[in-house]
Amino acid sequence: MPSRAHPEAPPPLNLARLAAGAPGSWVMLPGAEVRVLALEGKQAGLPASGWLVCLTGEALIDLPEGDFVRLRASEAHRLTLGDEWEALPVKAATVLMLVPDERGS
């Protein structure tokens, strides 16, 4: 019996490599609201509520009222809409991912 032809699965998307293609700029993933950023110096954050994830490296996140969070690779911090924040790389090749809340939730 002939086997059915299955479409090939798309190759995995390397998020750190995608971000590294435009250092210092937020890059939106195709078909999603998720963004990645290869940090190059201090960077103002996007106004959004959701999860800020450190994919590689380490970053210091400056939050309102003098608060801060140190994110290491694989760690995340919950952002609140309206909070102004900035990110500063602590280690080389630091890549952040912003996963905003779903719209309307």
N, C-alpha and C. Protein backbone atom coordinates (compact mmCIF):
# COMPACT_ATOMS: atom_id res chain seq x y z
N MET A 1 0.85 -1.18 0.00
CA MET A 1 0.00 0.00 0.00
C MET A 1 0.89 1.23 0.00
N PRO A 2 0.63 2.18 -0.88
CA PRO A 2 1.47 3.39 -0.94
C PRO A 2 1.29 4.24 0.30
N SER A 3 2.38 4.84 0.74
CA SER A 3 2.29 5.73 1.91
C SER A 3 1.75 7.08 1.49
N ARG A 4 1.04 7.70 2.40
CA ARG A 4 0.51 9.04 2.14
C ARG A 4 1.63 10.06 2.23
N ALA A 5 1.58 11.00 1.35
CA ALA A 5 2.58 12.07 1.38
C ALA A 5 2.20 13.06 2.48
N HIS A 6 3.12 13.29 3.37
CA HIS A 6 2.90 14.27 4.44
C HIS A 6 3.70 15.52 4.11
N PRO A 7 3.08 16.66 4.32
CA PRO A 7 3.86 17.88 4.09
C PRO A 7 5.01 17.95 5.10
N GLU A 8 6.12 18.49 4.66
CA GLU A 8 7.26 18.62 5.55
C GLU A 8 6.98 19.67 6.61
N ALA A 9 7.39 19.35 7.81
CA ALA A 9 7.24 20.32 8.90
C ALA A 9 8.21 21.47 8.67
N PRO A 10 7.80 22.69 8.97
CA PRO A 10 8.72 23.82 8.80
C PRO A 10 9.88 23.69 9.78
N PRO A 11 11.03 24.22 9.43
CA PRO A 11 12.17 24.16 10.35
C PRO A 11 11.90 25.01 11.59
N PRO A 12 12.53 24.67 12.71
CA PRO A 12 12.34 25.48 13.92
C PRO A 12 12.89 26.89 13.72
N LEU A 13 12.30 27.83 14.44
CA LEU A 13 12.72 29.22 14.37
C LEU A 13 13.63 29.51 15.56
N ASN A 14 14.87 29.86 15.29
CA ASN A 14 15.82 30.19 16.34
C ASN A 14 15.60 31.65 16.74
N LEU A 15 15.00 31.85 17.92
CA LEU A 15 14.61 33.19 18.35
C LEU A 15 15.82 34.10 18.60
N ALA A 16 16.88 33.55 19.18
CA ALA A 16 18.07 34.37 19.43
C ALA A 16 18.69 34.82 18.11
N ARG A 17 18.73 33.94 17.14
CA ARG A 17 19.29 34.30 15.83
C ARG A 17 18.41 35.33 15.12
N LEU A 18 17.08 35.17 15.25
CA LEU A 18 16.15 36.13 14.65
C LEU A 18 16.39 37.53 15.24
N ALA A 19 16.51 37.60 16.55
CA ALA A 19 16.74 38.89 17.22
C ALA A 19 18.10 39.47 16.84
N ALA A 20 19.10 38.61 16.72
CA ALA A 20 20.46 39.07 16.39
C ALA A 20 20.53 39.68 15.00
N GLY A 21 19.56 39.38 14.15
CA GLY A 21 19.53 39.95 12.81
C GLY A 21 19.22 41.44 12.80
N ALA A 22 18.66 41.95 13.89
CA ALA A 22 18.33 43.38 14.00
C ALA A 22 18.62 43.84 15.43
N PRO A 23 19.89 43.84 15.85
CA PRO A 23 20.22 44.20 17.24
C PRO A 23 19.70 45.58 17.61
N GLY A 24 19.12 45.66 18.82
CA GLY A 24 18.60 46.93 19.31
C GLY A 24 17.20 47.25 18.83
N SER A 25 16.59 46.37 18.03
CA SER A 25 15.23 46.59 17.52
C SER A 25 14.35 45.40 17.87
N TRP A 26 13.13 45.67 18.27
CA TRP A 26 12.17 44.60 18.52
C TRP A 26 11.78 43.97 17.19
N VAL A 27 11.81 42.66 17.13
CA VAL A 27 11.45 41.91 15.92
C VAL A 27 10.21 41.08 16.25
N MET A 28 9.15 41.25 15.46
CA MET A 28 7.91 40.52 15.69
C MET A 28 7.98 39.16 15.00
N LEU A 29 7.58 38.12 15.72
CA LEU A 29 7.53 36.78 15.12
C LEU A 29 6.43 36.75 14.08
N PRO A 30 6.64 36.04 12.99
CA PRO A 30 5.63 35.96 11.93
C PRO A 30 4.32 35.38 12.46
N GLY A 31 3.23 36.09 12.23
CA GLY A 31 1.91 35.61 12.61
C GLY A 31 1.61 35.65 14.09
N ALA A 32 2.36 36.41 14.87
CA ALA A 32 2.15 36.46 16.32
C ALA A 32 2.43 37.86 16.85
N GLU A 33 1.98 38.11 18.06
CA GLU A 33 2.27 39.39 18.72
C GLU A 33 3.56 39.31 19.53
N VAL A 34 4.19 38.15 19.56
CA VAL A 34 5.42 37.94 20.32
C VAL A 34 6.57 38.67 19.62
N ARG A 35 7.43 39.29 20.42
CA ARG A 35 8.58 40.04 19.89
C ARG A 35 9.85 39.60 20.60
N VAL A 36 10.97 39.70 19.89
CA VAL A 36 12.27 39.39 20.48
C VAL A 36 13.20 40.58 20.26
N LEU A 37 14.18 40.71 21.16
CA LEU A 37 15.10 41.85 21.12
C LEU A 37 16.49 41.40 21.54
N ALA A 38 17.47 41.64 20.68
CA ALA A 38 18.87 41.46 21.06
C ALA A 38 19.32 42.79 21.67
N LEU A 39 19.54 42.79 22.98
CA LEU A 39 19.88 44.04 23.68
C LEU A 39 21.26 44.53 23.30
N GLU A 40 21.33 45.81 22.97
CA GLU A 40 22.60 46.49 22.73
C GLU A 40 22.55 47.78 23.51
N GLY A 41 23.03 47.75 24.73
CA GLY A 41 22.95 48.93 25.58
C GLY A 41 21.58 49.08 26.18
N LYS A 42 21.37 50.17 26.90
CA LYS A 42 20.10 50.41 27.57
C LYS A 42 19.00 50.65 26.53
N GLN A 43 17.85 50.06 26.75
CA GLN A 43 16.75 50.13 25.78
C GLN A 43 15.44 50.39 26.52
N ALA A 44 14.66 51.36 26.05
CA ALA A 44 13.33 51.60 26.61
C ALA A 44 12.42 50.44 26.25
N GLY A 45 11.58 50.05 27.19
CA GLY A 45 10.66 48.94 26.96
C GLY A 45 9.41 49.36 26.23
N LEU A 46 8.74 48.38 25.66
CA LEU A 46 7.47 48.62 24.97
C LEU A 46 6.34 48.71 25.99
N PRO A 47 5.36 49.58 25.76
CA PRO A 47 4.22 49.65 26.68
C PRO A 47 3.29 48.46 26.43
N ALA A 48 3.32 47.48 27.32
CA ALA A 48 2.49 46.29 27.16
C ALA A 48 2.34 45.59 28.49
N SER A 49 1.27 44.83 28.62
CA SER A 49 1.16 43.93 29.76
C SER A 49 1.39 42.52 29.22
N GLY A 50 2.08 41.72 29.99
CA GLY A 50 2.39 40.37 29.55
C GLY A 50 3.67 39.90 30.22
N TRP A 51 4.33 38.94 29.60
CA TRP A 51 5.54 38.35 30.16
C TRP A 51 6.77 38.80 29.40
N LEU A 52 7.79 39.24 30.14
CA LEU A 52 9.09 39.55 29.58
C LEU A 52 10.01 38.39 29.96
N VAL A 53 10.54 37.71 28.97
CA VAL A 53 11.33 36.50 29.18
C VAL A 53 12.76 36.75 28.71
N CYS A 54 13.73 36.35 29.51
CA CYS A 54 15.13 36.40 29.11
C CYS A 54 15.47 35.06 28.46
N LEU A 55 15.74 35.08 27.16
CA LEU A 55 16.06 33.84 26.45
C LEU A 55 17.52 33.46 26.63
N THR A 56 18.41 34.43 26.49
CA THR A 56 19.85 34.19 26.65
C THR A 56 20.47 35.36 27.38
N GLY A 57 21.60 35.12 28.01
CA GLY A 57 22.31 36.19 28.69
C GLY A 57 21.67 36.55 30.02
N GLU A 58 21.71 37.84 30.33
CA GLU A 58 21.17 38.34 31.60
C GLU A 58 20.88 39.83 31.44
N ALA A 59 19.76 40.28 31.99
CA ALA A 59 19.37 41.68 31.85
C ALA A 59 18.89 42.25 33.17
N LEU A 60 19.11 43.53 33.35
CA LEU A 60 18.58 44.28 34.48
C LEU A 60 17.40 45.07 33.95
N ILE A 61 16.24 44.89 34.57
CA ILE A 61 15.02 45.57 34.13
C ILE A 61 14.69 46.65 35.15
N ASP A 62 14.80 47.92 34.73
CA ASP A 62 14.46 49.06 35.58
C ASP A 62 12.96 49.28 35.51
N LEU A 63 12.32 49.29 36.67
CA LEU A 63 10.87 49.45 36.77
C LEU A 63 10.54 50.78 37.46
N PRO A 64 9.26 51.17 37.47
CA PRO A 64 8.88 52.42 38.13
C PRO A 64 9.20 52.42 39.62
N GLU A 65 9.32 53.60 40.17
CA GLU A 65 9.53 53.84 41.59
C GLU A 65 10.81 53.21 42.13
N GLY A 66 11.84 53.13 41.29
CA GLY A 66 13.14 52.64 41.74
C GLY A 66 13.26 51.13 41.86
N ASP A 67 12.23 50.39 41.51
CA ASP A 67 12.31 48.93 41.56
C ASP A 67 13.09 48.40 40.36
N PHE A 68 13.63 47.20 40.51
CA PHE A 68 14.31 46.56 39.39
C PHE A 68 14.22 45.04 39.55
N VAL A 69 14.41 44.34 38.45
CA VAL A 69 14.43 42.88 38.43
C VAL A 69 15.64 42.46 37.60
N ARG A 70 16.36 41.47 38.08
CA ARG A 70 17.47 40.90 37.31
C ARG A 70 16.96 39.60 36.70
N LEU A 71 16.92 39.55 35.37
CA LEU A 71 16.46 38.35 34.67
C LEU A 71 17.65 37.59 34.10
N ARG A 72 17.73 36.33 34.44
CA ARG A 72 18.75 35.44 33.87
C ARG A 72 18.08 34.58 32.80
N ALA A 73 18.88 33.90 32.00
CA ALA A 73 18.33 33.04 30.94
C ALA A 73 17.28 32.11 31.52
N SER A 74 16.16 32.03 30.84
CA SER A 74 15.01 31.18 31.20
C SER A 74 14.14 31.75 32.32
N GLU A 75 14.39 32.98 32.75
CA GLU A 75 13.55 33.60 33.76
C GLU A 75 12.62 34.62 33.11
N ALA A 76 11.48 34.87 33.78
CA ALA A 76 10.47 35.78 33.23
C ALA A 76 9.98 36.74 34.31
N HIS A 77 9.46 37.87 33.88
CA HIS A 77 8.87 38.88 34.78
C HIS A 77 7.55 39.34 34.17
N ARG A 78 6.55 39.49 35.01
CA ARG A 78 5.23 39.94 34.58
C ARG A 78 5.20 41.47 34.49
N LEU A 79 4.87 42.00 33.31
CA LEU A 79 4.75 43.44 33.09
C LEU A 79 3.30 43.86 33.21
N THR A 80 3.09 45.09 33.69
CA THR A 80 1.75 45.65 33.81
C THR A 80 1.63 46.82 32.85
N LEU A 81 0.52 46.90 32.14
CA LEU A 81 0.29 47.99 31.19
C LEU A 81 0.38 49.32 31.92
N GLY A 82 1.09 50.25 31.33
CA GLY A 82 1.24 51.56 31.92
C GLY A 82 2.55 51.73 32.67
N ASP A 83 3.20 50.62 33.04
CA ASP A 83 4.50 50.71 33.69
C ASP A 83 5.57 51.03 32.65
N GLU A 84 6.34 52.05 32.91
CA GLU A 84 7.48 52.34 32.04
C GLU A 84 8.65 51.52 32.55
N TRP A 85 9.40 50.92 31.65
CA TRP A 85 10.54 50.10 32.04
C TRP A 85 11.64 50.21 31.00
N GLU A 86 12.84 49.90 31.45
CA GLU A 86 14.01 49.90 30.57
C GLU A 86 14.79 48.62 30.84
N ALA A 87 15.49 48.15 29.83
CA ALA A 87 16.31 46.95 29.97
C ALA A 87 17.76 47.29 29.68
N LEU A 88 18.64 46.71 30.47
CA LEU A 88 20.07 46.90 30.30
C LEU A 88 20.74 45.53 30.32
N PRO A 89 21.52 45.20 29.28
CA PRO A 89 22.17 43.89 29.30
C PRO A 89 23.27 43.83 30.36
N VAL A 90 23.32 42.72 31.07
CA VAL A 90 24.37 42.49 32.06
C VAL A 90 25.43 41.58 31.46
N LYS A 91 25.02 40.70 30.57
CA LYS A 91 25.93 39.79 29.87
C LYS A 91 25.80 40.01 28.37
N ALA A 92 26.85 39.64 27.64
CA ALA A 92 26.82 39.75 26.18
C ALA A 92 25.79 38.78 25.62
N ALA A 93 25.32 39.09 24.43
CA ALA A 93 24.35 38.24 23.70
C ALA A 93 23.07 38.02 24.48
N THR A 94 22.57 39.08 25.13
CA THR A 94 21.31 38.98 25.87
C THR A 94 20.15 39.20 24.91
N VAL A 95 19.20 38.27 24.95
CA VAL A 95 18.01 38.34 24.09
C VAL A 95 16.77 38.24 24.98
N LEU A 96 15.86 39.20 24.81
CA LEU A 96 14.60 39.21 25.54
C LEU A 96 13.45 38.86 24.60
N MET A 97 12.41 38.27 25.17
CA MET A 97 11.18 37.99 24.42
C MET A 97 10.02 38.60 25.19
N LEU A 98 9.15 39.33 24.49
CA LEU A 98 7.96 39.92 25.09
C LEU A 98 6.74 39.17 24.57
N VAL A 99 6.01 38.57 25.50
CA VAL A 99 4.80 37.83 25.17
C VAL A 99 3.63 38.62 25.75
N PRO A 100 2.98 39.47 24.93
CA PRO A 100 1.90 40.30 25.48
C PRO A 100 0.66 39.48 25.76
N ASP A 101 -0.16 40.01 26.68
CA ASP A 101 -1.45 39.38 26.96
C ASP A 101 -2.28 39.38 25.70
N GLU A 102 -3.22 38.44 25.65
CA GLU A 102 -4.14 38.41 24.49
C GLU A 102 -4.99 39.67 24.52
N ARG A 103 -5.29 40.17 23.36
CA ARG A 103 -6.13 41.38 23.28
C ARG A 103 -7.53 41.03 23.74
N GLY A 104 -8.10 41.95 24.48
CA GLY A 104 -9.47 41.76 24.94
C GLY A 104 -9.58 40.92 26.19
N SER A 105 -8.42 40.52 26.81
CA SER A 105 -8.54 39.76 28.06
C SER A 105 -8.25 40.62 29.25
